[in-house]
Amino acid sequence: MLTFRRALAITSMVLIVGVFLAACGGQTAATTSTNTTGANNQTMTPATPATQMKTPTTQATMAAQATPTATSAMTGDNGNMNAFIHTAFVMISGKKVHVLTNNKGFMLYYYQKDTMLTSSCTGACAQNWPPVLQPQGMMTVTSSIALPHKLSVHKTGNGNQVFYDGHPLYTYAADMQMGQFSGRGMDNAWYLVGVNL
């Protein structure tokens, strides 16, 4: 636990320095976080709507052991900034992967044990993996850029939960800042939501 807190403190410092450098000198907004235990380095940069890339399937690129926290001074994907769902690019094992985030820049996850259009992560599970719920009064869930699959809302044990391509969406409570994805690969069941899920 102490090692995790140190890693979180170091990551926070890196983020603050990166934001300061970006604000003061036009430096790039992305920062790199290095895992002190020797796993992959990861970086995250904002997505741009003009960038079109073929993303490998989420299962192929996301299946891995739990990874260190990665952070970025993310400014958004330059799409519809009022949208509920946004996107970003992350570097995983040297590959650029296009993923979904919420409107605050937090990574979205799916749970491999969920079945189509249902959520099996409720109750205590949902405290660690907060479900992405449709905001009160929002008629449709919007995305900042056109997505290849459908966003929808379905009633689950968590409430009106947002789904992407039939998979319920979650955030991870331990991701304390936008751009972190420390839940990736957790229990070999939690994965980032790729745009081409």
N, C-alpha and C. Protein backbone atom coordinates (compact mmCIF):
# COMPACT_ATOMS: atom_id res chain seq x y z
N MET A 1 0.82 -1.20 0.00
CA MET A 1 0.00 0.00 0.00
C MET A 1 0.86 1.25 0.00
N LEU A 2 1.98 1.20 0.77
CA LEU A 2 2.88 2.34 0.83
C LEU A 2 3.51 2.59 -0.53
N THR A 3 3.88 1.51 -1.25
CA THR A 3 4.46 1.65 -2.57
C THR A 3 3.46 2.29 -3.53
N PHE A 4 2.20 1.89 -3.44
CA PHE A 4 1.16 2.47 -4.29
C PHE A 4 1.02 3.96 -4.01
N ARG A 5 1.04 4.33 -2.74
CA ARG A 5 0.92 5.75 -2.39
C ARG A 5 2.11 6.55 -2.92
N ARG A 6 3.30 5.98 -2.81
CA ARG A 6 4.48 6.67 -3.36
C ARG A 6 4.35 6.83 -4.86
N ALA A 7 3.94 5.76 -5.54
CA ALA A 7 3.78 5.83 -6.99
C ALA A 7 2.73 6.87 -7.36
N LEU A 8 1.64 6.94 -6.59
CA LEU A 8 0.60 7.92 -6.86
C LEU A 8 1.12 9.32 -6.63
N ALA A 9 1.92 9.52 -5.58
CA ALA A 9 2.49 10.84 -5.30
C ALA A 9 3.46 11.26 -6.40
N ILE A 10 4.31 10.33 -6.86
CA ILE A 10 5.25 10.64 -7.93
C ILE A 10 4.51 10.95 -9.21
N THR A 11 3.47 10.16 -9.51
CA THR A 11 2.67 10.40 -10.70
C THR A 11 2.01 11.77 -10.65
N SER A 12 1.50 12.15 -9.49
CA SER A 12 0.87 13.46 -9.34
C SER A 12 1.88 14.58 -9.59
N MET A 13 3.10 14.39 -9.07
CA MET A 13 4.13 15.40 -9.28
C MET A 13 4.48 15.53 -10.76
N VAL A 14 4.60 14.39 -11.45
CA VAL A 14 4.90 14.41 -12.87
C VAL A 14 3.81 15.16 -13.63
N LEU A 15 2.55 14.92 -13.27
CA LEU A 15 1.43 15.59 -13.93
C LEU A 15 1.49 17.09 -13.70
N ILE A 16 1.75 17.52 -12.47
CA ILE A 16 1.81 18.94 -12.15
C ILE A 16 2.94 19.61 -12.92
N VAL A 17 4.12 18.98 -12.96
CA VAL A 17 5.25 19.55 -13.69
C VAL A 17 4.92 19.62 -15.18
N GLY A 18 4.30 18.57 -15.72
CA GLY A 18 3.92 18.57 -17.13
C GLY A 18 2.95 19.68 -17.47
N VAL A 19 1.95 19.90 -16.61
CA VAL A 19 0.98 20.98 -16.83
C VAL A 19 1.69 22.33 -16.77
N PHE A 20 2.57 22.49 -15.79
CA PHE A 20 3.31 23.74 -15.65
C PHE A 20 4.16 24.01 -16.88
N LEU A 21 4.90 22.99 -17.35
CA LEU A 21 5.73 23.17 -18.53
C LEU A 21 4.88 23.48 -19.76
N ALA A 22 3.76 22.80 -19.90
CA ALA A 22 2.89 23.05 -21.05
C ALA A 22 2.35 24.47 -21.02
N ALA A 23 1.99 24.96 -19.85
CA ALA A 23 1.44 26.31 -19.73
C ALA A 23 2.50 27.38 -19.93
N CYS A 24 3.72 27.10 -19.53
CA CYS A 24 4.78 28.11 -19.58
C CYS A 24 5.59 28.12 -20.85
N GLY A 25 5.66 27.01 -21.55
CA GLY A 25 6.56 27.02 -22.68
C GLY A 25 6.08 26.32 -23.91
N GLY A 26 4.80 26.01 -23.99
CA GLY A 26 4.29 25.34 -25.18
C GLY A 26 4.81 23.92 -25.32
N GLN A 27 5.24 23.32 -24.24
CA GLN A 27 5.71 21.94 -24.28
C GLN A 27 4.53 21.04 -24.58
N THR A 28 4.81 19.80 -24.96
CA THR A 28 3.72 18.88 -25.24
C THR A 28 2.95 18.61 -23.97
N ALA A 29 1.66 18.33 -24.12
CA ALA A 29 0.81 18.12 -22.97
C ALA A 29 0.95 16.73 -22.38
N ALA A 30 1.44 15.79 -23.15
CA ALA A 30 1.51 14.42 -22.65
C ALA A 30 2.72 14.23 -21.75
N THR A 31 2.55 13.46 -20.69
CA THR A 31 3.66 13.10 -19.83
C THR A 31 3.76 11.60 -19.79
N THR A 32 4.89 11.12 -19.36
CA THR A 32 5.11 9.68 -19.30
C THR A 32 5.25 9.27 -17.86
N SER A 33 4.63 8.16 -17.52
CA SER A 33 4.78 7.61 -16.18
C SER A 33 5.51 6.30 -16.30
N THR A 34 6.55 6.13 -15.50
CA THR A 34 7.33 4.91 -15.55
C THR A 34 7.00 4.05 -14.35
N ASN A 35 6.73 2.81 -14.58
CA ASN A 35 6.44 1.87 -13.50
C ASN A 35 7.74 1.51 -12.81
N THR A 36 7.78 1.69 -11.49
CA THR A 36 8.98 1.38 -10.74
C THR A 36 9.18 -0.12 -10.58
N THR A 37 8.21 -0.92 -10.94
CA THR A 37 8.37 -2.37 -10.83
C THR A 37 8.81 -2.99 -12.15
N GLY A 38 9.00 -2.20 -13.19
CA GLY A 38 9.57 -2.71 -14.43
C GLY A 38 8.59 -3.05 -15.51
N ALA A 39 7.31 -2.72 -15.39
CA ALA A 39 6.35 -3.02 -16.45
C ALA A 39 6.48 -1.97 -17.54
N ASN A 40 5.56 -1.99 -18.50
CA ASN A 40 5.61 -1.10 -19.66
C ASN A 40 5.45 0.36 -19.27
N ASN A 41 6.16 1.24 -20.01
CA ASN A 41 5.91 2.67 -19.88
C ASN A 41 4.66 2.97 -20.69
N GLN A 42 3.87 3.94 -20.25
CA GLN A 42 2.64 4.25 -20.95
C GLN A 42 2.53 5.76 -21.06
N THR A 43 2.04 6.24 -22.18
CA THR A 43 1.77 7.66 -22.34
C THR A 43 0.40 7.82 -22.91
N MET A 44 -0.15 8.99 -22.73
CA MET A 44 -1.48 9.26 -23.24
C MET A 44 -1.48 10.62 -23.88
N THR A 45 -2.05 10.74 -25.08
CA THR A 45 -2.18 12.01 -25.73
C THR A 45 -3.62 12.18 -26.16
N PRO A 46 -4.10 13.42 -26.19
CA PRO A 46 -5.49 13.64 -26.59
C PRO A 46 -5.72 13.19 -28.03
N ALA A 47 -6.91 12.72 -28.29
CA ALA A 47 -7.29 12.32 -29.64
C ALA A 47 -7.71 13.55 -30.42
N THR A 48 -7.51 13.51 -31.73
CA THR A 48 -8.03 14.57 -32.58
C THR A 48 -8.99 13.93 -33.56
N PRO A 49 -10.11 14.60 -33.85
CA PRO A 49 -11.11 13.99 -34.72
C PRO A 49 -10.58 13.71 -36.11
N ALA A 50 -9.57 14.46 -36.58
CA ALA A 50 -9.06 14.25 -37.92
C ALA A 50 -8.21 13.00 -38.01
N THR A 51 -7.76 12.48 -36.89
CA THR A 51 -6.90 11.30 -36.89
C THR A 51 -7.75 10.05 -37.07
N GLN A 52 -7.48 9.33 -38.12
CA GLN A 52 -8.18 8.08 -38.36
C GLN A 52 -7.14 6.97 -38.31
N MET A 53 -7.33 6.00 -37.45
CA MET A 53 -6.42 4.88 -37.39
C MET A 53 -7.20 3.61 -37.13
N LYS A 54 -6.68 2.54 -37.61
CA LYS A 54 -7.32 1.26 -37.35
C LYS A 54 -6.78 0.75 -36.02
N THR A 55 -7.67 0.59 -35.05
CA THR A 55 -7.28 0.12 -33.73
C THR A 55 -7.50 -1.38 -33.66
N PRO A 56 -6.49 -2.12 -33.18
CA PRO A 56 -6.70 -3.56 -33.02
C PRO A 56 -7.84 -3.81 -32.03
N THR A 57 -8.37 -5.02 -32.02
CA THR A 57 -9.46 -5.32 -31.12
C THR A 57 -9.03 -5.07 -29.68
N THR A 58 -9.97 -4.67 -28.86
CA THR A 58 -9.68 -4.35 -27.47
C THR A 58 -9.10 -5.56 -26.75
N GLN A 59 -9.66 -6.72 -26.95
CA GLN A 59 -9.19 -7.91 -26.25
C GLN A 59 -7.73 -8.18 -26.59
N ALA A 60 -7.35 -8.03 -27.84
CA ALA A 60 -5.98 -8.33 -28.25
C ALA A 60 -5.00 -7.32 -27.67
N THR A 61 -5.37 -6.05 -27.61
CA THR A 61 -4.43 -5.04 -27.15
C THR A 61 -4.52 -4.76 -25.67
N MET A 62 -5.63 -5.07 -25.04
CA MET A 62 -5.81 -4.70 -23.65
C MET A 62 -5.53 -5.84 -22.69
N ALA A 63 -5.53 -7.10 -23.15
CA ALA A 63 -5.34 -8.21 -22.24
C ALA A 63 -3.91 -8.19 -21.71
N ALA A 64 -3.77 -7.94 -20.42
CA ALA A 64 -2.45 -7.88 -19.80
C ALA A 64 -2.61 -7.88 -18.30
N GLN A 65 -1.49 -7.95 -17.60
CA GLN A 65 -1.53 -7.85 -16.16
C GLN A 65 -1.88 -6.43 -15.78
N ALA A 66 -2.22 -6.23 -14.51
CA ALA A 66 -2.49 -4.88 -14.04
C ALA A 66 -1.26 -4.04 -14.29
N THR A 67 -1.45 -2.81 -14.70
CA THR A 67 -0.35 -1.96 -15.11
C THR A 67 -0.25 -0.74 -14.21
N PRO A 68 0.87 -0.05 -14.27
CA PRO A 68 1.02 1.14 -13.44
C PRO A 68 0.10 2.24 -13.90
N THR A 69 -0.07 3.21 -13.07
CA THR A 69 -0.88 4.36 -13.41
C THR A 69 -0.17 5.19 -14.47
N ALA A 70 -0.89 5.58 -15.49
CA ALA A 70 -0.34 6.50 -16.48
C ALA A 70 -1.18 7.77 -16.42
N THR A 71 -0.55 8.90 -16.60
CA THR A 71 -1.28 10.15 -16.53
C THR A 71 -0.97 11.02 -17.72
N SER A 72 -1.80 12.01 -17.94
CA SER A 72 -1.58 12.97 -19.00
C SER A 72 -2.26 14.26 -18.64
N ALA A 73 -1.68 15.34 -19.09
CA ALA A 73 -2.33 16.63 -18.94
C ALA A 73 -3.29 16.77 -20.11
N MET A 74 -4.34 15.99 -20.11
CA MET A 74 -5.24 15.88 -21.25
C MET A 74 -6.15 17.09 -21.35
N THR A 75 -6.32 17.57 -22.57
CA THR A 75 -7.19 18.72 -22.80
C THR A 75 -8.46 18.36 -23.55
N GLY A 76 -8.63 17.11 -23.90
CA GLY A 76 -9.83 16.70 -24.62
C GLY A 76 -9.48 16.22 -26.01
N ASP A 77 -10.47 15.78 -26.75
CA ASP A 77 -10.22 15.25 -28.08
C ASP A 77 -10.58 16.23 -29.19
N ASN A 78 -10.77 17.49 -28.84
CA ASN A 78 -11.06 18.56 -29.80
C ASN A 78 -12.35 18.35 -30.57
N GLY A 79 -13.21 17.46 -30.10
CA GLY A 79 -14.51 17.25 -30.73
C GLY A 79 -15.54 18.09 -29.99
N ASN A 80 -16.76 17.60 -29.91
CA ASN A 80 -17.83 18.29 -29.20
C ASN A 80 -17.53 18.25 -27.70
N MET A 81 -17.07 19.37 -27.16
CA MET A 81 -16.64 19.42 -25.77
C MET A 81 -17.81 19.26 -24.80
N ASN A 82 -19.04 19.43 -25.26
CA ASN A 82 -20.22 19.28 -24.40
C ASN A 82 -20.72 17.84 -24.36
N ALA A 83 -20.10 16.96 -25.12
CA ALA A 83 -20.55 15.57 -25.19
C ALA A 83 -20.28 14.85 -23.88
N PHE A 84 -21.02 13.79 -23.64
CA PHE A 84 -20.89 13.00 -22.41
C PHE A 84 -19.71 12.02 -22.49
N ILE A 85 -19.46 11.45 -23.67
CA ILE A 85 -18.38 10.49 -23.88
C ILE A 85 -17.35 11.12 -24.81
N HIS A 86 -16.07 10.99 -24.45
CA HIS A 86 -14.96 11.51 -25.25
C HIS A 86 -14.01 10.37 -25.60
N THR A 87 -12.96 10.67 -26.33
CA THR A 87 -11.95 9.67 -26.67
C THR A 87 -10.56 10.24 -26.43
N ALA A 88 -9.58 9.34 -26.36
CA ALA A 88 -8.17 9.72 -26.23
C ALA A 88 -7.34 8.58 -26.79
N PHE A 89 -6.08 8.88 -27.05
CA PHE A 89 -5.14 7.85 -27.47
C PHE A 89 -4.22 7.53 -26.30
N VAL A 90 -3.95 6.25 -26.08
CA VAL A 90 -3.00 5.81 -25.06
C VAL A 90 -1.96 4.91 -25.72
N MET A 91 -0.76 4.91 -25.16
CA MET A 91 0.30 4.01 -25.63
C MET A 91 0.33 2.81 -24.69
N ILE A 92 0.13 1.63 -25.24
CA ILE A 92 0.18 0.40 -24.47
C ILE A 92 1.11 -0.55 -25.21
N SER A 93 2.17 -0.96 -24.54
CA SER A 93 3.16 -1.86 -25.12
C SER A 93 3.65 -1.34 -26.47
N GLY A 94 3.86 -0.04 -26.56
CA GLY A 94 4.37 0.56 -27.78
C GLY A 94 3.35 0.76 -28.87
N LYS A 95 2.08 0.48 -28.59
CA LYS A 95 1.03 0.65 -29.61
C LYS A 95 0.10 1.77 -29.20
N LYS A 96 -0.28 2.58 -30.16
CA LYS A 96 -1.23 3.67 -29.94
C LYS A 96 -2.64 3.10 -30.03
N VAL A 97 -3.41 3.22 -28.94
CA VAL A 97 -4.75 2.64 -28.89
C VAL A 97 -5.76 3.75 -28.61
N HIS A 98 -6.82 3.78 -29.37
CA HIS A 98 -7.88 4.78 -29.27
C HIS A 98 -8.94 4.26 -28.29
N VAL A 99 -9.16 4.98 -27.19
CA VAL A 99 -10.05 4.51 -26.13
C VAL A 99 -11.10 5.56 -25.78
N LEU A 100 -12.13 5.12 -25.05
CA LEU A 100 -13.18 6.01 -24.58
C LEU A 100 -12.86 6.56 -23.20
N THR A 101 -13.26 7.81 -22.97
CA THR A 101 -13.17 8.44 -21.65
C THR A 101 -14.51 9.09 -21.35
N ASN A 102 -14.70 9.47 -20.09
CA ASN A 102 -15.89 10.25 -19.81
C ASN A 102 -15.58 11.72 -20.08
N ASN A 103 -16.53 12.60 -19.84
CA ASN A 103 -16.33 14.02 -20.17
C ASN A 103 -15.36 14.72 -19.24
N LYS A 104 -14.88 14.03 -18.21
CA LYS A 104 -13.87 14.60 -17.31
C LYS A 104 -12.49 14.03 -17.60
N GLY A 105 -12.38 13.18 -18.62
CA GLY A 105 -11.08 12.63 -19.00
C GLY A 105 -10.71 11.34 -18.30
N PHE A 106 -11.64 10.75 -17.54
CA PHE A 106 -11.34 9.49 -16.86
C PHE A 106 -11.60 8.32 -17.82
N MET A 107 -10.69 7.36 -17.79
CA MET A 107 -10.78 6.20 -18.67
C MET A 107 -12.02 5.37 -18.37
N LEU A 108 -12.59 4.79 -19.42
CA LEU A 108 -13.74 3.91 -19.27
C LEU A 108 -13.28 2.47 -19.46
N TYR A 109 -13.88 1.60 -18.66
CA TYR A 109 -13.54 0.18 -18.65
C TYR A 109 -14.77 -0.66 -18.95
N TYR A 110 -14.53 -1.89 -19.39
CA TYR A 110 -15.60 -2.88 -19.44
C TYR A 110 -15.15 -4.09 -18.64
N TYR A 111 -16.12 -4.85 -18.17
CA TYR A 111 -15.88 -6.01 -17.32
C TYR A 111 -16.14 -7.26 -18.15
N GLN A 112 -15.13 -8.07 -18.31
CA GLN A 112 -15.24 -9.24 -19.18
C GLN A 112 -16.29 -10.24 -18.70
N LYS A 113 -16.62 -10.22 -17.40
CA LYS A 113 -17.60 -11.17 -16.88
C LYS A 113 -19.05 -10.73 -17.10
N ASP A 114 -19.24 -9.48 -17.55
CA ASP A 114 -20.60 -9.03 -17.90
C ASP A 114 -21.07 -9.78 -19.14
N THR A 115 -22.37 -10.04 -19.20
CA THR A 115 -22.94 -10.59 -20.42
C THR A 115 -23.58 -9.45 -21.19
N MET A 116 -23.88 -9.69 -22.44
CA MET A 116 -24.40 -8.64 -23.31
C MET A 116 -25.63 -7.97 -22.70
N LEU A 117 -25.59 -6.65 -22.61
CA LEU A 117 -26.67 -5.79 -22.14
C LEU A 117 -27.03 -6.00 -20.66
N THR A 118 -26.12 -6.58 -19.88
CA THR A 118 -26.34 -6.71 -18.44
C THR A 118 -25.07 -6.32 -17.69
N SER A 119 -25.24 -5.92 -16.43
CA SER A 119 -24.10 -5.58 -15.58
C SER A 119 -24.07 -6.53 -14.39
N SER A 120 -22.96 -7.24 -14.25
CA SER A 120 -22.82 -8.11 -13.09
C SER A 120 -22.01 -7.45 -11.98
N CYS A 121 -21.54 -6.22 -12.22
CA CYS A 121 -20.79 -5.47 -11.21
C CYS A 121 -21.73 -4.47 -10.55
N THR A 122 -22.31 -4.87 -9.43
CA THR A 122 -23.22 -4.02 -8.68
C THR A 122 -22.82 -4.06 -7.21
N GLY A 123 -23.48 -3.31 -6.39
CA GLY A 123 -23.21 -3.34 -4.95
C GLY A 123 -21.79 -2.97 -4.61
N ALA A 124 -21.09 -3.85 -3.85
CA ALA A 124 -19.71 -3.59 -3.43
C ALA A 124 -18.78 -3.45 -4.63
N CYS A 125 -19.00 -4.25 -5.65
CA CYS A 125 -18.18 -4.17 -6.86
C CYS A 125 -18.28 -2.78 -7.48
N ALA A 126 -19.48 -2.21 -7.51
CA ALA A 126 -19.69 -0.90 -8.12
C ALA A 126 -19.06 0.23 -7.32
N GLN A 127 -18.67 -0.02 -6.05
CA GLN A 127 -17.96 1.00 -5.29
C GLN A 127 -16.53 1.14 -5.81
N ASN A 128 -15.90 0.03 -6.19
CA ASN A 128 -14.56 0.08 -6.76
C ASN A 128 -14.58 0.41 -8.25
N TRP A 129 -15.65 0.01 -8.91
CA TRP A 129 -15.81 0.22 -10.35
C TRP A 129 -17.11 0.99 -10.59
N PRO A 130 -17.12 2.29 -10.33
CA PRO A 130 -18.36 3.06 -10.48
C PRO A 130 -18.93 2.96 -11.90
N PRO A 131 -20.18 2.59 -12.01
CA PRO A 131 -20.81 2.50 -13.34
C PRO A 131 -20.99 3.89 -13.94
N VAL A 132 -20.93 3.97 -15.25
CA VAL A 132 -21.21 5.22 -15.95
C VAL A 132 -22.72 5.28 -16.12
N LEU A 133 -23.32 6.24 -15.44
CA LEU A 133 -24.78 6.35 -15.47
C LEU A 133 -25.21 7.55 -16.30
N GLN A 134 -26.37 7.40 -16.93
CA GLN A 134 -26.94 8.48 -17.72
C GLN A 134 -27.31 9.63 -16.78
N PRO A 135 -26.83 10.85 -17.07
CA PRO A 135 -27.18 11.98 -16.21
C PRO A 135 -28.69 12.23 -16.21
N GLN A 136 -29.19 12.65 -15.07
CA GLN A 136 -30.62 12.97 -14.92
C GLN A 136 -31.04 13.98 -15.98
N GLY A 137 -32.08 13.69 -16.70
CA GLY A 137 -32.62 14.62 -17.70
C GLY A 137 -31.98 14.51 -19.07
N MET A 138 -30.89 13.77 -19.22
CA MET A 138 -30.25 13.63 -20.53
C MET A 138 -31.04 12.60 -21.34
N MET A 139 -31.49 13.02 -22.50
CA MET A 139 -32.31 12.14 -23.33
C MET A 139 -31.48 11.12 -24.10
N THR A 140 -30.36 11.54 -24.67
CA THR A 140 -29.48 10.63 -25.39
C THR A 140 -28.05 10.85 -24.93
N VAL A 141 -27.26 9.82 -24.98
CA VAL A 141 -25.85 9.91 -24.61
C VAL A 141 -25.07 10.29 -25.87
N THR A 142 -24.34 11.38 -25.79
CA THR A 142 -23.62 11.89 -26.95
C THR A 142 -22.13 11.59 -26.83
N SER A 143 -21.47 11.54 -27.98
CA SER A 143 -20.02 11.37 -28.02
C SER A 143 -19.40 12.56 -28.73
N SER A 144 -18.16 12.85 -28.37
CA SER A 144 -17.48 14.02 -28.93
C SER A 144 -17.12 13.83 -30.39
N ILE A 145 -16.95 12.60 -30.83
CA ILE A 145 -16.68 12.29 -32.23
C ILE A 145 -17.58 11.12 -32.64
N ALA A 146 -17.72 10.91 -33.94
CA ALA A 146 -18.51 9.78 -34.42
C ALA A 146 -17.80 8.48 -34.03
N LEU A 147 -18.53 7.57 -33.42
CA LEU A 147 -17.98 6.29 -32.98
C LEU A 147 -18.46 5.17 -33.90
N PRO A 148 -17.65 4.12 -34.09
CA PRO A 148 -18.06 3.03 -34.97
C PRO A 148 -19.14 2.13 -34.38
N HIS A 149 -19.34 2.19 -33.06
CA HIS A 149 -20.37 1.36 -32.43
C HIS A 149 -21.34 2.26 -31.67
N LYS A 150 -22.44 1.67 -31.23
CA LYS A 150 -23.55 2.42 -30.65
C LYS A 150 -23.41 2.60 -29.14
N LEU A 151 -23.65 3.83 -28.70
CA LEU A 151 -23.83 4.13 -27.28
C LEU A 151 -25.31 3.95 -26.98
N SER A 152 -25.62 3.34 -25.84
CA SER A 152 -27.02 3.15 -25.46
C SER A 152 -27.13 3.18 -23.95
N VAL A 153 -28.35 3.21 -23.45
CA VAL A 153 -28.61 3.22 -22.01
C VAL A 153 -29.56 2.07 -21.70
N HIS A 154 -29.22 1.29 -20.67
CA HIS A 154 -30.06 0.17 -20.25
C HIS A 154 -30.18 0.18 -18.74
N LYS A 155 -31.32 -0.22 -18.24
CA LYS A 155 -31.56 -0.30 -16.80
C LYS A 155 -30.81 -1.51 -16.25
N THR A 156 -29.95 -1.27 -15.25
CA THR A 156 -29.23 -2.35 -14.57
C THR A 156 -29.44 -2.19 -13.08
N GLY A 157 -28.83 -3.04 -12.29
CA GLY A 157 -28.89 -2.91 -10.84
C GLY A 157 -28.23 -1.64 -10.35
N ASN A 158 -27.48 -0.97 -11.22
CA ASN A 158 -26.82 0.29 -10.87
C ASN A 158 -27.64 1.52 -11.22
N GLY A 159 -28.68 1.35 -12.02
CA GLY A 159 -29.48 2.48 -12.52
C GLY A 159 -29.46 2.47 -14.03
N ASN A 160 -29.66 3.63 -14.63
CA ASN A 160 -29.63 3.75 -16.09
C ASN A 160 -28.18 3.84 -16.55
N GLN A 161 -27.61 2.68 -16.85
CA GLN A 161 -26.18 2.58 -17.15
C GLN A 161 -25.92 2.75 -18.63
N VAL A 162 -24.80 3.43 -18.95
CA VAL A 162 -24.40 3.66 -20.34
C VAL A 162 -23.65 2.42 -20.84
N PHE A 163 -23.98 2.00 -22.06
CA PHE A 163 -23.37 0.85 -22.71
C PHE A 163 -22.71 1.29 -24.01
N TYR A 164 -21.65 0.60 -24.39
CA TYR A 164 -21.04 0.81 -25.70
C TYR A 164 -20.94 -0.54 -26.38
N ASP A 165 -21.56 -0.66 -27.53
CA ASP A 165 -21.58 -1.92 -28.28
C ASP A 165 -22.06 -3.07 -27.40
N GLY A 166 -23.04 -2.79 -26.54
CA GLY A 166 -23.64 -3.81 -25.70
C GLY A 166 -22.90 -4.08 -24.40
N HIS A 167 -21.80 -3.38 -24.14
CA HIS A 167 -21.01 -3.58 -22.92
C HIS A 167 -21.25 -2.44 -21.93
N PRO A 168 -21.61 -2.73 -20.68
CA PRO A 168 -21.78 -1.66 -19.69
C PRO A 168 -20.43 -0.99 -19.41
N LEU A 169 -20.46 0.31 -19.19
CA LEU A 169 -19.24 1.07 -18.97
C LEU A 169 -19.04 1.41 -17.50
N TYR A 170 -17.77 1.46 -17.10
CA TYR A 170 -17.39 1.76 -15.72
C TYR A 170 -16.17 2.67 -15.72
N THR A 171 -15.94 3.35 -14.60
CA THR A 171 -14.66 3.97 -14.31
C THR A 171 -14.02 3.15 -13.20
N TYR A 172 -12.81 3.53 -12.78
CA TYR A 172 -12.13 2.82 -11.70
C TYR A 172 -11.86 3.80 -10.58
N ALA A 173 -12.29 3.48 -9.37
CA ALA A 173 -12.19 4.41 -8.25
C ALA A 173 -10.75 4.80 -7.93
N ALA A 174 -9.78 3.94 -8.21
CA ALA A 174 -8.38 4.25 -7.91
C ALA A 174 -7.74 5.18 -8.94
N ASP A 175 -8.40 5.40 -10.08
CA ASP A 175 -7.92 6.39 -11.04
C ASP A 175 -8.31 7.76 -10.49
N MET A 176 -7.35 8.43 -9.87
CA MET A 176 -7.64 9.68 -9.16
C MET A 176 -7.57 10.92 -10.04
N GLN A 177 -6.96 10.81 -11.21
CA GLN A 177 -6.82 11.96 -12.11
C GLN A 177 -7.16 11.53 -13.52
N MET A 178 -7.54 12.51 -14.34
CA MET A 178 -7.85 12.18 -15.72
C MET A 178 -6.61 11.60 -16.39
N GLY A 179 -6.83 10.65 -17.26
CA GLY A 179 -5.75 10.03 -17.99
C GLY A 179 -5.15 8.80 -17.33
N GLN A 180 -5.45 8.54 -16.08
CA GLN A 180 -4.93 7.35 -15.42
C GLN A 180 -5.69 6.12 -15.89
N PHE A 181 -4.99 5.00 -15.98
CA PHE A 181 -5.67 3.74 -16.29
C PHE A 181 -5.04 2.59 -15.53
N SER A 182 -5.03 2.75 -14.20
CA SER A 182 -4.42 1.74 -13.33
C SER A 182 -5.26 0.48 -13.18
N GLY A 183 -6.52 0.52 -13.61
CA GLY A 183 -7.38 -0.67 -13.50
C GLY A 183 -7.25 -1.63 -14.66
N ARG A 184 -6.52 -1.23 -15.71
CA ARG A 184 -6.39 -2.06 -16.91
C ARG A 184 -5.78 -3.42 -16.56
N GLY A 185 -6.48 -4.49 -16.91
CA GLY A 185 -6.00 -5.85 -16.68
C GLY A 185 -6.27 -6.37 -15.28
N MET A 186 -6.90 -5.57 -14.43
CA MET A 186 -7.16 -5.98 -13.05
C MET A 186 -7.96 -7.28 -13.03
N ASP A 187 -7.52 -8.23 -12.23
CA ASP A 187 -8.16 -9.54 -12.09
C ASP A 187 -8.35 -10.26 -13.43
N ASN A 188 -7.56 -9.87 -14.41
CA ASN A 188 -7.69 -10.43 -15.77
C ASN A 188 -9.12 -10.33 -16.28
N ALA A 189 -9.83 -9.30 -15.87
CA ALA A 189 -11.24 -9.17 -16.25
C ALA A 189 -11.62 -7.74 -16.64
N TRP A 190 -10.81 -6.75 -16.28
CA TRP A 190 -11.15 -5.35 -16.53
C TRP A 190 -10.25 -4.78 -17.61
N TYR A 191 -10.85 -4.18 -18.65
CA TYR A 191 -10.09 -3.68 -19.78
C TYR A 191 -10.59 -2.31 -20.19
N LEU A 192 -9.68 -1.52 -20.78
CA LEU A 192 -10.07 -0.23 -21.32
C LEU A 192 -11.04 -0.46 -22.49
N VAL A 193 -11.93 0.48 -22.68
CA VAL A 193 -12.90 0.37 -23.76
C VAL A 193 -12.29 1.00 -25.01
N GLY A 194 -11.87 0.15 -25.94
CA GLY A 194 -11.35 0.64 -27.21
C GLY A 194 -12.48 1.14 -28.08
N VAL A 195 -12.18 2.12 -28.92
CA VAL A 195 -13.19 2.66 -29.84
C VAL A 195 -13.75 1.54 -30.72
N ASN A 196 -12.88 0.62 -31.14
CA ASN A 196 -13.31 -0.51 -31.97
C ASN A 196 -13.54 -1.77 -31.16
N LEU A 197 -14.14 -1.62 -29.98
CA LEU A 197 -14.38 -2.73 -29.04
C LEU A 197 -14.80 -4.00 -29.74
